[in-house]
Amino acid sequence: MSLQTPSLFSFPGAAYTASHNTLASILAPSAPSSGCGSALPSELIPGAPSPTRSIENYTLFSTPEFNPNGIAVYPEGIDNQFLGDVLSPNSSYINDIQFVSDVLDDLQSKLCIDTNRIYGSGFSNGGSLTALLSCNGTVGGRFAALAAVGGAYYPDDEMTEPLFGAGCGGGRENVTIPYLEIHGEEDKVVAYDGNNGDSPAMYPIPVYLEKLGSLNGCNTSAPDHAGLTGLSTNSTQILNGGNITKYSWTCNGLEDVMVHYKVKGLGHGWPSTVYYGGILDEYRLGPTTWNASAVIGEWFGKWSLKSAWGTENATFQSQAP
């Protein structure tokens, strides 16, 4: 499932590709990194495109429309693959969780970053990596929030090492990591119900959301695999003329810690009004009438690592589906 790399918000790093360094909102961050006050590295040009642009063009996270105040960074996995794919090397050989931590350290030493407001999102195998970060209280705990689109989550018996099952949850005691998940009902690459035919089985999306919800202290119960009707949500909304069901959960007294968009008619792709053509739209089943980047960005703006979980810095533009 290594179709796309993740985009990790508000930090760049070691083997990374940086783009659109709009620094206006972090000139005086609440938790400044060690790079504050340093000159911008010569190889980084504010507003310049990254050398590898596929996921950048796909998400448009580098554009002022969707990200007017942050630094967008696009790490690239070895052979365009990240930990979490059934075919990826074991973490003992290539540890992408440690890679993310190294990226954070490198970027925080070179750029002026508010370390209370670091966000990560990914698509497909990149979404798998964001889930593994959510499983990890040490590295994942450095993020204010994480989001996945079309992420793949595999049971341990499909993997060469336990990652999403028994390996998920280390260091998560008393650590809340908000998580947003967007998934198409018509996804033929990462099936919503986990049944991929001849391909390795995956967790049904509701099952894995229940697991992450339990780590976040959410009120969850055994889910209905077809519709999430068994999960105890504090809010269920029908949006976009009935095409989207939005589920949200209150966890440890905090609203919308877990949010899920179940999308009718969406295949394996990033919801966007932009027409991409070719295989991207073949998998996605065409453009949507809303942009996932706007929805994710607005939700990211709710969260920080401050103990008060402040909401005063919601700097992303909103475009509800």
C-alpha atoms as a PDB file:
ATOM      1  CA  MET A   1       0.000   0.000   0.000  1.00  0.00           C
ATOM      2  CA  SER A   2       2.916   2.341  -0.538  1.00  0.00           C
ATOM      3  CA  LEU A   3       1.202   4.552  -3.098  1.00  0.00           C
ATOM      4  CA  GLN A   4       1.955   7.892  -1.507  1.00  0.00           C
ATOM      5  CA  THR A   5       4.174   9.435   1.137  1.00  0.00           C
ATOM      6  CA  PRO A   6       2.799  11.294   4.159  1.00  0.00           C
ATOM      7  CA  SER A   7       2.942  15.021   4.634  1.00  0.00           C
ATOM      8  CA  LEU A   8       4.101  15.996   8.083  1.00  0.00           C
ATOM      9  CA  PHE A   9       3.034  19.436   9.186  1.00  0.00           C
ATOM     10  CA  SER A  10       5.141  22.176  10.700  1.00  0.00           C
ATOM     11  CA  PHE A  11       8.454  20.343  10.684  1.00  0.00           C
ATOM     12  CA  PRO A  12      11.139  19.431   8.150  1.00  0.00           C
ATOM     13  CA  GLY A  13      14.282  16.954   8.573  1.00  0.00           C
ATOM     14  CA  ALA A  14      17.090  14.466   7.607  1.00  0.00           C
ATOM     15  CA  ALA A  15      16.236  12.908   4.114  1.00  0.00           C
ATOM     16  CA  TYR A  16      13.246  15.166   3.773  1.00  0.00           C
ATOM     17  CA  THR A  17      11.854  17.402   1.060  1.00  0.00           C
ATOM     18  CA  ALA A  18      10.790  20.823   2.289  1.00  0.00           C
ATOM     19  CA  SER A  19       8.399  23.217   0.654  1.00  0.00           C
ATOM     20  CA  HIS A  20       6.581  26.501   1.161  1.00  0.00           C
ATOM     21  CA  ASN A  21       8.241  27.901   4.261  1.00  0.00           C
ATOM     22  CA  THR A  22       5.693  30.508   5.296  1.00  0.00           C
ATOM     23  CA  LEU A  23       7.015  31.558   8.670  1.00  0.00           C
ATOM     24  CA  ALA A  24       4.650  34.403   9.599  1.00  0.00           C
ATOM     25  CA  SER A  25       2.713  32.533  12.268  1.00  0.00           C
ATOM     26  CA  ILE A  26       5.746  31.070  14.045  1.00  0.00           C
ATOM     27  CA  LEU A  27       7.929  34.134  14.486  1.00  0.00           C
ATOM     28  CA  ALA A  28       7.130  34.007  18.186  1.00  0.00           C
ATOM     29  CA  PRO A  29       5.986  30.439  18.874  1.00  0.00           C
ATOM     30  CA  SER A  30       4.680  29.474  22.278  1.00  0.00           C
ATOM     31  CA  ALA A  31       7.226  26.644  22.527  1.00  0.00           C
ATOM     32  CA  PRO A  32      10.102  27.748  20.265  1.00  0.00           C
ATOM     33  CA  SER A  33      12.509  25.186  18.864  1.00  0.00           C
ATOM     34  CA  SER A  34      16.262  25.612  19.123  1.00  0.00           C
ATOM     35  CA  GLY A  35      16.331  26.809  15.513  1.00  0.00           C
ATOM     36  CA  CYS A  36      14.503  30.039  16.354  1.00  0.00           C
ATOM     37  CA  GLY A  37      16.805  32.984  15.725  1.00  0.00           C
ATOM     38  CA  SER A  38      18.927  31.060  13.231  1.00  0.00           C
ATOM     39  CA  ALA A  39      19.237  31.986   9.574  1.00  0.00           C
ATOM     40  CA  LEU A  40      17.152  29.890   7.201  1.00  0.00           C
ATOM     41  CA  PRO A  41      19.358  27.144   5.681  1.00  0.00           C
ATOM     42  CA  SER A  42      20.549  28.225   2.231  1.00  0.00           C
ATOM     43  CA  GLU A  43      19.016  25.201   0.506  1.00  0.00           C
ATOM     44  CA  LEU A  44      15.534  26.136   1.714  1.00  0.00           C
ATOM     45  CA  ILE A  45      13.771  28.794  -0.335  1.00  0.00           C
ATOM     46  CA  PRO A  46      10.480  30.147   1.064  1.00  0.00           C
ATOM     47  CA  GLY A  47       7.672  29.417  -1.345  1.00  0.00           C
ATOM     48  CA  ALA A  48       9.738  27.172  -3.597  1.00  0.00           C
ATOM     49  CA  PRO A  49       8.414  23.770  -4.720  1.00  0.00           C
ATOM     50  CA  SER A  50       9.922  20.575  -3.421  1.00  0.00           C
ATOM     51  CA  PRO A  51      12.023  18.423  -5.797  1.00  0.00           C
ATOM     52  CA  THR A  52       9.588  15.509  -5.470  1.00  0.00           C
ATOM     53  CA  ARG A  53       6.129  16.961  -5.906  1.00  0.00           C
ATOM     54  CA  SER A  54       3.590  14.159  -6.360  1.00  0.00           C
ATOM     55  CA  ILE A  55       2.022  14.204  -2.901  1.00  0.00           C
ATOM     56  CA  GLU A  56       2.559  17.952  -2.662  1.00  0.00           C
ATOM     57  CA  ASN A  57       0.512  18.459  -5.821  1.00  0.00           C
ATOM     58  CA  TYR A  58      -2.025  15.912  -4.639  1.00  0.00           C
ATOM     59  CA  THR A  59      -2.766  17.459  -1.252  1.00  0.00           C
ATOM     60  CA  LEU A  60      -1.920  21.118  -2.013  1.00  0.00           C
ATOM     61  CA  PHE A  61      -0.715  21.466   1.568  1.00  0.00           C
ATOM     62  CA  SER A  62       1.963  23.863   0.321  1.00  0.00           C
ATOM     63  CA  THR A  63      -0.566  26.373  -0.979  1.00  0.00           C
ATOM     64  CA  PRO A  64      -1.704  29.434   0.995  1.00  0.00           C
ATOM     65  CA  GLU A  65      -5.316  28.377   0.415  1.00  0.00           C
ATOM     66  CA  PHE A  66      -4.926  25.313   2.634  1.00  0.00           C
ATOM     67  CA  ASN A  67      -1.844  26.160   4.688  1.00  0.00           C
ATOM     68  CA  PRO A  68      -1.303  29.923   4.981  1.00  0.00           C
ATOM     69  CA  ASN A  69       0.933  29.889   8.050  1.00  0.00           C
ATOM     70  CA  GLY A  70       2.786  26.593   8.392  1.00  0.00           C
ATOM     71  CA  ILE A  71       5.811  24.750   7.097  1.00  0.00           C
ATOM     72  CA  ALA A  72       4.874  21.756   4.956  1.00  0.00           C
ATOM     73  CA  VAL A  73       7.351  18.897   4.689  1.00  0.00           C
ATOM     74  CA  TYR A  74       7.191  15.749   2.580  1.00  0.00           C
ATOM     75  CA  PRO A  75       9.456  12.933   3.802  1.00  0.00           C
ATOM     76  CA  GLU A  76      10.198  10.181   1.317  1.00  0.00           C
ATOM     77  CA  GLY A  77      10.434   6.550   2.363  1.00  0.00           C
ATOM     78  CA  ILE A  78      13.053   4.201   0.974  1.00  0.00           C
ATOM     79  CA  ASP A  79      11.748   2.913  -2.368  1.00  0.00           C
ATOM     80  CA  ASN A  80       8.621   5.046  -1.786  1.00  0.00           C
ATOM     81  CA  GLN A  81       7.607   2.776   1.083  1.00  0.00           C
ATOM     82  CA  PHE A  82       7.132   3.193   4.814  1.00  0.00           C
ATOM     83  CA  LEU A  83       6.911   0.890   7.791  1.00  0.00           C
ATOM     84  CA  GLY A  84       3.410  -0.551   8.004  1.00  0.00           C
ATOM     85  CA  ASP A  85       3.259  -2.062   4.516  1.00  0.00           C
ATOM     86  CA  VAL A  86       3.186  -5.869   4.591  1.00  0.00           C
ATOM     87  CA  LEU A  87       6.158  -5.836   2.196  1.00  0.00           C
ATOM     88  CA  SER A  88       8.236  -3.266   4.058  1.00  0.00           C
ATOM     89  CA  PRO A  89      11.438  -4.360   5.824  1.00  0.00           C
ATOM     90  CA  ASN A  90      11.194  -5.020   9.550  1.00  0.00           C
ATOM     91  CA  SER A  91      11.716  -2.094  11.860  1.00  0.00           C
ATOM     92  CA  SER A  92      14.957  -3.693  13.020  1.00  0.00           C
ATOM     93  CA  TYR A  93      16.303  -2.968   9.515  1.00  0.00           C
ATOM     94  CA  ILE A  94      14.528   0.271   8.572  1.00  0.00           C
ATOM     95  CA  ASN A  95      12.813   2.017  11.459  1.00  0.00           C
ATOM     96  CA  ASP A  96      10.613   4.769  10.086  1.00  0.00           C
ATOM     97  CA  ILE A  97       9.383   5.709  13.560  1.00  0.00           C
ATOM     98  CA  GLN A  98      12.970   6.581  14.481  1.00  0.00           C
ATOM     99  CA  PHE A  99      13.297   8.305  11.101  1.00  0.00           C
ATOM    100  CA  VAL A 100      10.378  10.587  11.967  1.00  0.00           C
ATOM    101  CA  SER A 101      11.965  11.372  15.323  1.00  0.00           C
ATOM    102  CA  ASP A 102      15.260  12.204  13.582  1.00  0.00           C
ATOM    103  CA  VAL A 103      13.402  14.409  11.101  1.00  0.00           C
ATOM    104  CA  LEU A 104      11.790  16.314  13.955  1.00  0.00           C
ATOM    105  CA  ASP A 105      15.121  16.789  15.728  1.00  0.00           C
ATOM    106  CA  ASP A 106      16.815  18.008  12.560  1.00  0.00           C
ATOM    107  CA  LEU A 107      14.099  20.462  11.628  1.00  0.00           C
ATOM    108  CA  GLN A 108      13.694  21.850  15.105  1.00  0.00           C
ATOM    109  CA  SER A 109      17.432  22.571  15.174  1.00  0.00           C
ATOM    110  CA  LYS A 110      17.345  24.430  11.835  1.00  0.00           C
ATOM    111  CA  LEU A 111      13.962  26.142  11.657  1.00  0.00           C
ATOM    112  CA  CYS A 112      11.853  28.206  14.010  1.00  0.00           C
ATOM    113  CA  ILE A 113       9.034  25.847  14.927  1.00  0.00           C
ATOM    114  CA  ASP A 114       6.355  25.916  17.587  1.00  0.00           C
ATOM    115  CA  THR A 115       6.947  22.493  19.105  1.00  0.00           C
ATOM    116  CA  ASN A 116       3.470  22.589  20.634  1.00  0.00           C
ATOM    117  CA  ARG A 117       1.950  22.598  17.146  1.00  0.00           C
ATOM    118  CA  ILE A 118       3.406  19.815  15.039  1.00  0.00           C
ATOM    119  CA  TYR A 119       0.995  17.794  12.917  1.00  0.00           C
ATOM    120  CA  GLY A 120       1.239  14.796  10.619  1.00  0.00           C
ATOM    121  CA  SER A 121      -0.945  13.393   7.880  1.00  0.00           C
ATOM    122  CA  GLY A 122      -0.554  10.654   5.303  1.00  0.00           C
ATOM    123  CA  PHE A 123      -2.299   8.813   2.506  1.00  0.00           C
ATOM    124  CA  SER A 124      -2.411   5.021   1.998  1.00  0.00           C
ATOM    125  CA  ASN A 125       0.893   3.618   3.310  1.00  0.00           C
ATOM    126  CA  GLY A 126       1.595   7.134   4.569  1.00  0.00           C
ATOM    127  CA  GLY A 127      -1.661   6.864   6.508  1.00  0.00           C
ATOM    128  CA  SER A 128      -0.381   3.578   7.917  1.00  0.00           C
ATOM    129  CA  LEU A 129       2.667   5.408   9.218  1.00  0.00           C
ATOM    130  CA  THR A 130       0.551   8.064  10.934  1.00  0.00           C
ATOM    131  CA  ALA A 131      -1.330   5.237  12.688  1.00  0.00           C
ATOM    132  CA  LEU A 132       1.953   3.718  13.860  1.00  0.00           C
ATOM    133  CA  LEU A 133       2.971   7.122  15.178  1.00  0.00           C
ATOM    134  CA  SER A 134      -0.326   7.219  17.051  1.00  0.00           C
ATOM    135  CA  CYS A 135       0.571   3.839  18.533  1.00  0.00           C
ATOM    136  CA  ASN A 136       3.842   5.225  19.878  1.00  0.00           C
ATOM    137  CA  GLY A 137       3.562   7.472  22.898  1.00  0.00           C
ATOM    138  CA  THR A 138       7.162   8.681  22.675  1.00  0.00           C
ATOM    139  CA  VAL A 139       7.507   9.789  19.055  1.00  0.00           C
ATOM    140  CA  GLY A 140       3.776  10.090  18.372  1.00  0.00           C
ATOM    141  CA  GLY A 141       3.465  12.115  21.548  1.00  0.00           C
ATOM    142  CA  ARG A 142       5.489  14.881  19.893  1.00  0.00           C
ATOM    143  CA  PHE A 143       2.569  15.539  17.544  1.00  0.00           C
ATOM    144  CA  ALA A 144      -0.381  17.705  18.513  1.00  0.00           C
ATOM    145  CA  ALA A 145      -2.600  15.672  16.146  1.00  0.00           C
ATOM    146  CA  LEU A 146      -2.405  13.101  13.353  1.00  0.00           C
ATOM    147  CA  ALA A 147      -4.622  12.355  10.338  1.00  0.00           C
ATOM    148  CA  ALA A 148      -4.892   9.602   7.725  1.00  0.00           C
ATOM    149  CA  VAL A 149      -6.679   9.284   4.396  1.00  0.00           C
ATOM    150  CA  GLY A 150      -7.170   5.772   3.035  1.00  0.00           C
ATOM    151  CA  GLY A 151      -4.769   4.308   5.600  1.00  0.00           C
ATOM    152  CA  ALA A 152      -4.068   0.561   5.734  1.00  0.00           C
ATOM    153  CA  TYR A 153      -3.932  -1.197   9.114  1.00  0.00           C
ATOM    154  CA  TYR A 154      -2.877  -4.865   9.144  1.00  0.00           C
ATOM    155  CA  PRO A 155      -3.486  -7.585  11.759  1.00  0.00           C
ATOM    156  CA  ASP A 156      -0.347  -9.102  13.242  1.00  0.00           C
ATOM    157  CA  ASP A 157      -0.790 -12.430  11.449  1.00  0.00           C
ATOM    158  CA  GLU A 158      -0.431 -10.626   8.099  1.00  0.00           C
ATOM    159  CA  MET A 159       2.821  -8.949   9.140  1.00  0.00           C
ATOM    160  CA  THR A 160       6.366 -10.171   9.787  1.00  0.00           C
ATOM    161  CA  GLU A 161       6.301  -8.306  13.103  1.00  0.00           C
ATOM    162  CA  PRO A 162       3.461  -7.018  15.304  1.00  0.00           C
ATOM    163  CA  LEU A 163       2.887  -3.349  14.543  1.00  0.00           C
ATOM    164  CA  PHE A 164      -0.798  -2.409  14.483  1.00  0.00           C
ATOM    165  CA  GLY A 165      -1.935  -5.058  16.965  1.00  0.00           C
ATOM    166  CA  ALA A 166       0.182  -6.207  19.895  1.00  0.00           C
ATOM    167  CA  GLY A 167       2.872  -3.683  18.991  1.00  0.00           C
ATOM    168  CA  CYS A 168       0.526  -0.713  19.216  1.00  0.00           C
ATOM    169  CA  GLY A 169       0.219   1.271  22.420  1.00  0.00           C
ATOM    170  CA  GLY A 170       3.701   1.386  23.918  1.00  0.00           C
ATOM    171  CA  GLY A 171       4.217   4.481  26.025  1.00  0.00           C
ATOM    172  CA  ARG A 172       0.653   5.636  25.458  1.00  0.00           C
ATOM    173  CA  GLU A 173      -0.297   5.719  29.138  1.00  0.00           C
ATOM    174  CA  ASN A 174      -1.867   9.128  29.846  1.00  0.00           C
ATOM    175  CA  VAL A 175      -0.907  10.375  26.368  1.00  0.00           C
ATOM    176  CA  THR A 176      -3.709  11.720  24.168  1.00  0.00           C
ATOM    177  CA  ILE A 177      -2.969  11.927  20.434  1.00  0.00           C
ATOM    178  CA  PRO A 178      -5.987  13.235  18.487  1.00  0.00           C
ATOM    179  CA  TYR A 179      -6.621  11.234  15.302  1.00  0.00           C
ATOM    180  CA  LEU A 180      -8.721  11.977  12.222  1.00  0.00           C
ATOM    181  CA  GLU A 181      -9.457   9.315   9.595  1.00  0.00           C
ATOM    182  CA  ILE A 182     -11.053   9.726   6.148  1.00  0.00           C
ATOM    183  CA  HIS A 183     -11.966   6.623   4.167  1.00  0.00           C
ATOM    184  CA  GLY A 184     -13.965   5.864   1.042  1.00  0.00           C
ATOM    185  CA  GLU A 185     -16.648   3.188   1.060  1.00  0.00           C
ATOM    186  CA  GLU A 186     -15.624   2.238  -2.490  1.00  0.00           C
ATOM    187  CA  ASP A 187     -11.896   1.894  -1.748  1.00  0.00           C
ATOM    188  CA  LYS A 188     -10.720  -1.187  -3.685  1.00  0.00           C
ATOM    189  CA  VAL A 189      -7.108  -0.921  -2.509  1.00  0.00           C
ATOM    190  CA  VAL A 190      -7.717  -0.568   1.234  1.00  0.00           C
ATOM    191  CA  ALA A 191     -11.214  -1.977   1.654  1.00  0.00           C
ATOM    192  CA  TYR A 192     -13.353  -0.299   4.294  1.00  0.00           C
ATOM    193  CA  ASP A 193     -14.413  -3.667   5.716  1.00  0.00           C
ATOM    194  CA  GLY A 194     -10.853  -5.062   5.569  1.00  0.00           C
ATOM    195  CA  ASN A 195     -11.694  -7.649   2.905  1.00  0.00           C
ATOM    196  CA  ASN A 196      -9.271  -7.146   0.037  1.00  0.00           C
ATOM    197  CA  GLY A 197      -9.924 -10.410  -1.756  1.00  0.00           C
ATOM    198  CA  ASP A 198      -6.643 -12.052  -2.677  1.00  0.00           C
ATOM    199  CA  SER A 199      -4.624  -9.276  -1.027  1.00  0.00           C
ATOM    200  CA  PRO A 200      -3.636  -9.451   2.659  1.00  0.00           C
ATOM    201  CA  ALA A 201      -6.535  -8.838   5.012  1.00  0.00           C
ATOM    202  CA  MET A 202      -6.673  -5.589   6.921  1.00  0.00           C
ATOM    203  CA  TYR A 203      -8.451  -4.402  10.011  1.00  0.00           C
ATOM    204  CA  PRO A 204     -11.906  -3.061   9.139  1.00  0.00           C
ATOM    205  CA  ILE A 205     -11.700   0.685   9.600  1.00  0.00           C
ATOM    206  CA  PRO A 206     -14.163   0.739  12.554  1.00  0.00           C
ATOM    207  CA  VAL A 207     -12.162  -1.957  14.349  1.00  0.00           C
ATOM    208  CA  TYR A 208      -8.938  -0.013  14.147  1.00  0.00           C
ATOM    209  CA  LEU A 209     -10.593   3.237  15.125  1.00  0.00           C
ATOM    210  CA  GLU A 210     -11.894   1.450  18.210  1.00  0.00           C
ATOM    211  CA  LYS A 211      -8.334   0.447  19.097  1.00  0.00           C
ATOM    212  CA  LEU A 212      -6.986   3.984  18.718  1.00  0.00           C
ATOM    213  CA  GLY A 213     -10.017   5.289  20.557  1.00  0.00           C
ATOM    214  CA  SER A 214      -9.293   3.065  23.525  1.00  0.00           C
ATOM    215  CA  LEU A 215      -5.712   4.389  23.626  1.00  0.00           C
ATOM    216  CA  ASN A 216      -7.123   7.916  23.713  1.00  0.00           C
ATOM    217  CA  GLY A 217      -9.556   7.150  26.517  1.00  0.00           C
ATOM    218  CA  CYS A 218     -12.633   7.344  24.283  1.00  0.00           C
ATOM    219  CA  ASN A 219     -15.934   5.702  25.107  1.00  0.00           C
ATOM    220  CA  THR A 220     -15.959   2.878  22.548  1.00  0.00           C
ATOM    221  CA  SER A 221     -17.752  -0.430  22.260  1.00  0.00           C
ATOM    222  CA  ALA A 222     -17.650  -3.346  19.835  1.00  0.00           C
ATOM    223  CA  PRO A 223     -18.198  -1.769  16.402  1.00  0.00           C
ATOM    224  CA  ASP A 224     -20.567  -2.678  13.626  1.00  0.00           C
ATOM    225  CA  HIS A 225     -18.085  -3.275  10.802  1.00  0.00           C
ATOM    226  CA  ALA A 226     -20.498  -1.996   8.182  1.00  0.00           C
ATOM    227  CA  GLY A 227     -21.407   1.299   9.726  1.00  0.00           C
ATOM    228  CA  LEU A 228     -19.771   2.133  13.038  1.00  0.00           C
ATOM    229  CA  THR A 229     -23.202   1.912  14.668  1.00  0.00           C
ATOM    230  CA  GLY A 230     -21.778   0.113  17.676  1.00  0.00           C
ATOM    231  CA  LEU A 231     -19.293   2.825  18.536  1.00  0.00           C
ATOM    232  CA  SER A 232     -20.416   5.259  21.198  1.00  0.00           C
ATOM    233  CA  THR A 233     -19.993   8.622  19.516  1.00  0.00           C
ATOM    234  CA  ASN A 234     -20.774  11.972  21.008  1.00  0.00           C
ATOM    235  CA  SER A 235     -21.748  13.230  17.555  1.00  0.00           C
ATOM    236  CA  THR A 236     -22.880  11.751  14.244  1.00  0.00           C
ATOM    237  CA  GLN A 237     -23.565  14.090  11.317  1.00  0.00           C
ATOM    238  CA  ILE A 238     -24.736  13.505   7.762  1.00  0.00           C
ATOM    239  CA  LEU A 239     -22.943  15.908   5.404  1.00  0.00           C
ATOM    240  CA  ASN A 240     -22.481  16.688   1.725  1.00  0.00           C
ATOM    241  CA  GLY A 241     -26.024  15.803   0.771  1.00  0.00           C
ATOM    242  CA  GLY A 242     -25.849  12.418   2.426  1.00  0.00           C
ATOM    243  CA  ASN A 243     -22.519  11.406   0.888  1.00  0.00           C
ATOM    244  CA  ILE A 244     -20.521  11.719   4.103  1.00  0.00           C
ATOM    245  CA  THR A 245     -21.138  10.429   7.597  1.00  0.00           C
ATOM    246  CA  LYS A 246     -18.985  12.179  10.173  1.00  0.00           C
ATOM    247  CA  TYR A 247     -18.420  10.438  13.489  1.00  0.00           C
ATOM    248  CA  SER A 248     -16.676  12.149  16.399  1.00  0.00           C
ATOM    249  CA  TRP A 249     -15.774  11.077  19.906  1.00  0.00           C
ATOM    250  CA  THR A 250     -15.246  12.800  23.215  1.00  0.00           C
ATOM    251  CA  CYS A 251     -12.208  11.337  24.946  1.00  0.00           C
ATOM    252  CA  ASN A 252     -11.103  12.124  28.491  1.00  0.00           C
ATOM    253  CA  GLY A 253     -13.448  15.088  28.457  1.00  0.00           C
ATOM    254  CA  LEU A 254     -12.095  16.538  25.185  1.00  0.00           C
ATOM    255  CA  GLU A 255     -14.426  16.817  22.193  1.00  0.00           C
ATOM    256  CA  ASP A 256     -13.484  15.611  18.695  1.00  0.00           C
ATOM    257  CA  VAL A 257     -10.330  13.815  19.791  1.00  0.00           C
ATOM    258  CA  MET A 258     -11.280  11.076  17.333  1.00  0.00           C
ATOM    259  CA  VAL A 259     -13.019  12.014  14.076  1.00  0.00           C
ATOM    260  CA  HIS A 260     -13.929   9.755  11.162  1.00  0.00           C
ATOM    261  CA  TYR A 261     -15.372  10.637   7.752  1.00  0.00           C
ATOM    262  CA  LYS A 262     -16.982   7.708   5.955  1.00  0.00           C
ATOM    263  CA  VAL A 263     -17.382   8.781   2.327  1.00  0.00           C
ATOM    264  CA  LYS A 264     -19.815   7.315  -0.205  1.00  0.00           C
ATOM    265  CA  GLY A 265     -18.519   7.012  -3.753  1.00  0.00           C
ATOM    266  CA  LEU A 266     -14.887   7.609  -2.812  1.00  0.00           C
ATOM    267  CA  GLY A 267     -12.290   5.078  -3.899  1.00  0.00           C
ATOM    268  CA  HIS A 268      -8.614   5.053  -2.960  1.00  0.00           C
ATOM    269  CA  GLY A 269      -7.559   8.662  -3.177  1.00  0.00           C
ATOM    270  CA  TRP A 270      -7.347  12.089  -1.603  1.00  0.00           C
ATOM    271  CA  PRO A 271     -10.690  13.929  -1.644  1.00  0.00           C
ATOM    272  CA  SER A 272     -10.187  17.064  -3.692  1.00  0.00           C
ATOM    273  CA  THR A 273     -12.040  19.256  -6.148  1.00  0.00           C
ATOM    274  CA  VAL A 274      -8.993  19.103  -8.428  1.00  0.00           C
ATOM    275  CA  TYR A 275      -9.120  16.727 -11.402  1.00  0.00           C
ATOM    276  CA  TYR A 276      -5.868  14.746 -11.651  1.00  0.00           C
ATOM    277  CA  GLY A 277      -6.638  12.379 -14.508  1.00  0.00           C
ATOM    278  CA  GLY A 278      -5.010   9.040 -15.174  1.00  0.00           C
ATOM    279  CA  ILE A 279      -4.520   6.388 -12.518  1.00  0.00           C
ATOM    280  CA  LEU A 280      -4.945   8.835  -9.628  1.00  0.00           C
ATOM    281  CA  ASP A 281      -8.563   9.504 -10.546  1.00  0.00           C
ATOM    282  CA  GLU A 282      -9.147   5.914 -11.614  1.00  0.00           C
ATOM    283  CA  TYR A 283      -8.348   4.738  -8.089  1.00  0.00           C
ATOM    284  CA  ARG A 284     -10.105   7.684  -6.473  1.00  0.00           C
ATOM    285  CA  LEU A 285     -13.181   7.427  -8.724  1.00  0.00           C
ATOM    286  CA  GLY A 286     -12.919  11.078  -9.650  1.00  0.00           C
ATOM    287  CA  PRO A 287     -12.843  14.451  -7.861  1.00  0.00           C
ATOM    288  CA  THR A 288     -15.040  15.308  -4.897  1.00  0.00           C
ATOM    289  CA  THR A 289     -16.969  18.486  -4.116  1.00  0.00           C
ATOM    290  CA  TRP A 290     -14.820  19.166  -1.034  1.00  0.00           C
ATOM    291  CA  ASN A 291     -11.142  19.189  -0.099  1.00  0.00           C
ATOM    292  CA  ALA A 292      -9.745  16.903   2.575  1.00  0.00           C
ATOM    293  CA  SER A 293      -6.798  19.265   3.090  1.00  0.00           C
ATOM    294  CA  ALA A 294      -9.133  22.031   4.247  1.00  0.00           C
ATOM    295  CA  VAL A 295     -10.991  19.698   6.612  1.00  0.00           C
ATOM    296  CA  ILE A 296      -7.770  18.284   8.075  1.00  0.00           C
ATOM    297  CA  GLY A 297      -6.163  21.709   8.380  1.00  0.00           C
ATOM    298  CA  GLU A 298      -9.145  23.160  10.236  1.00  0.00           C
ATOM    299  CA  TRP A 299      -9.182  20.219  12.644  1.00  0.00           C
ATOM    300  CA  PHE A 300      -5.411  20.452  13.204  1.00  0.00           C
ATOM    301  CA  GLY A 301      -5.909  24.082  14.202  1.00  0.00           C
ATOM    302  CA  LYS A 302      -7.923  22.953  17.237  1.00  0.00           C
ATOM    303  CA  TRP A 303      -4.983  21.176  18.859  1.00  0.00           C
ATOM    304  CA  SER A 304      -1.712  21.921  20.584  1.00  0.00           C
ATOM    305  CA  LEU A 305       0.436  20.127  23.145  1.00  0.00           C
ATOM    306  CA  LYS A 306      -0.401  22.737  25.759  1.00  0.00           C
ATOM    307  CA  SER A 307      -1.954  21.236  28.848  1.00  0.00           C
ATOM    308  CA  ALA A 308      -5.029  23.373  28.184  1.00  0.00           C
ATOM    309  CA  TRP A 309      -5.317  22.019  24.633  1.00  0.00           C
ATOM    310  CA  GLY A 310      -5.747  25.587  23.448  1.00  0.00           C
ATOM    311  CA  THR A 311      -7.897  26.419  20.439  1.00  0.00           C
ATOM    312  CA  GLU A 312      -6.829  30.004  19.905  1.00  0.00           C
ATOM    313  CA  ASN A 313      -4.517  29.284  16.986  1.00  0.00           C
ATOM    314  CA  ALA A 314      -6.906  27.794  14.418  1.00  0.00           C
ATOM    315  CA  THR A 315      -5.051  29.363  11.482  1.00  0.00           C
ATOM    316  CA  PHE A 316      -6.203  27.097   8.656  1.00  0.00           C
ATOM    317  CA  GLN A 317      -9.078  28.082   6.409  1.00  0.00           C
ATOM    318  CA  SER A 318     -12.210  26.046   6.817  1.00  0.00           C
ATOM    319  CA  GLN A 319     -14.017  24.281   4.007  1.00  0.00           C
ATOM    320  CA  ALA A 320     -16.555  21.867   5.418  1.00  0.00           C
ATOM    321  CA  PRO A 321     -17.600  18.996   3.153  1.00  0.00           C
END
